[in-house]
Structures are given as C-alpha cells and as structure tokens.
Protein backbone atom coordinates (compact mmCIF):
# COMPACT_ATOMS: atom_id res chain seq x y z
CA MET A 1 19.23 -162.21 38.43
CA ARG A 2 16.41 -162.96 35.95
CA THR A 3 14.46 -160.00 37.27
CA ILE A 4 17.42 -157.58 36.95
CA VAL A 5 18.16 -158.64 33.40
CA SER A 6 14.47 -158.44 32.48
CA VAL A 7 14.17 -154.92 33.88
CA ILE A 8 17.32 -153.78 32.08
CA GLY A 9 16.09 -155.42 28.93
CA VAL A 10 12.72 -153.65 29.06
CA LEU A 11 14.47 -150.27 29.71
CA LEU A 12 16.72 -150.90 26.71
CA VAL A 13 13.68 -151.60 24.51
CA LEU A 14 11.88 -148.51 25.68
CA GLY A 15 14.93 -146.32 25.30
CA GLY A 16 15.64 -147.72 21.90
CA LEU A 17 12.12 -147.00 20.77
CA VAL A 18 12.41 -143.42 21.97
CA TRP A 19 15.63 -143.02 19.99
CA VAL A 20 14.01 -144.43 16.86
CA ALA A 21 11.05 -142.07 17.25
CA GLN A 22 13.40 -139.09 17.65
CA GLY A 23 15.44 -140.18 14.66
CA LEU A 24 12.26 -140.38 12.57
CA ASN A 25 11.31 -136.89 13.90
CA LEU A 26 7.86 -138.21 15.06
CA PRO A 27 5.65 -135.50 16.50
CA PHE A 28 5.27 -137.18 19.97
CA ALA A 29 8.98 -137.79 20.47
CA PRO A 30 10.83 -135.53 22.89
CA ARG A 31 13.02 -132.93 21.22
CA SER A 32 16.80 -133.25 21.58
CA PHE A 33 20.00 -133.20 19.57
CA MET A 34 18.86 -136.62 18.16
CA THR A 35 15.73 -135.19 16.52
CA ALA A 36 15.68 -135.87 12.78
CA ASP A 37 19.19 -137.49 12.86
CA ARG A 38 18.87 -140.73 10.88
CA ALA A 39 21.76 -142.36 12.71
CA TRP A 40 19.56 -142.63 15.80
CA ILE A 41 17.10 -144.86 13.88
CA LEU A 42 19.72 -147.60 13.60
CA ILE A 43 21.20 -147.02 17.05
CA GLY A 44 17.73 -147.20 18.63
CA ALA A 45 16.76 -150.32 16.65
CA VAL A 46 19.92 -152.10 17.73
CA THR A 47 19.40 -151.05 21.34
CA ALA A 48 15.79 -152.22 21.30
CA ALA A 49 16.85 -155.54 19.74
CA VAL A 50 19.55 -156.10 22.42
CA GLY A 51 16.93 -155.39 25.05
CA ALA A 52 14.47 -157.81 23.56
CA LEU A 53 17.19 -160.47 23.42
CA ALA A 54 18.01 -159.85 27.12
CA VAL A 55 14.39 -160.25 28.10
CA GLY A 56 14.13 -163.43 26.02
CA TRP A 57 17.30 -164.80 27.58
CA ALA A 58 16.08 -164.01 31.13
CA ARG A 59 12.79 -165.76 30.47
CA ARG A 60 14.55 -168.97 29.37
CA GLN A 61 16.73 -169.26 32.51
CA PRO A 62 15.72 -171.80 35.02
CA GLY A 63 13.92 -170.52 38.19
CA PRO A 64 15.26 -170.84 41.71
CA MET A 65 15.38 -174.33 43.21
CA ARG A 66 12.60 -175.06 45.71
C-alpha cells in the first residue's frame, strides 16, 4: 500500500508541476488549453502539495511485519 500511495503521490507532484509551468506559460511547458491560464498555477500548486503530502504520509507508515 505504501508503494502505491508513493507512486500516486509522485505522479501528482509531477503533474501539478507541469500544470504550474503551463499556467506560467514557461517555454519548456507543453502547449495546451491550459497555457497562460493563471487558474492552472493554483490548481497545479494544490495538486503538487497533495502529492507531496501523500508521499510524506506513505513514508511515515510502518513497514510490513517480519
């Protein structure tokens, strides 16, 4: 379960950072309907923060019993 939550969290962080880059209209960001739309800066930041919290939560969970 920890691994799944960690992977999902990392994907959320990466996706959120792409959305922030698109909202900021950075030159390396892929072009889409989100390009230069300031709303995506906030949406991406919140998504990245949720992903970081998920990774942090997964790291604090106890490992399997041996």
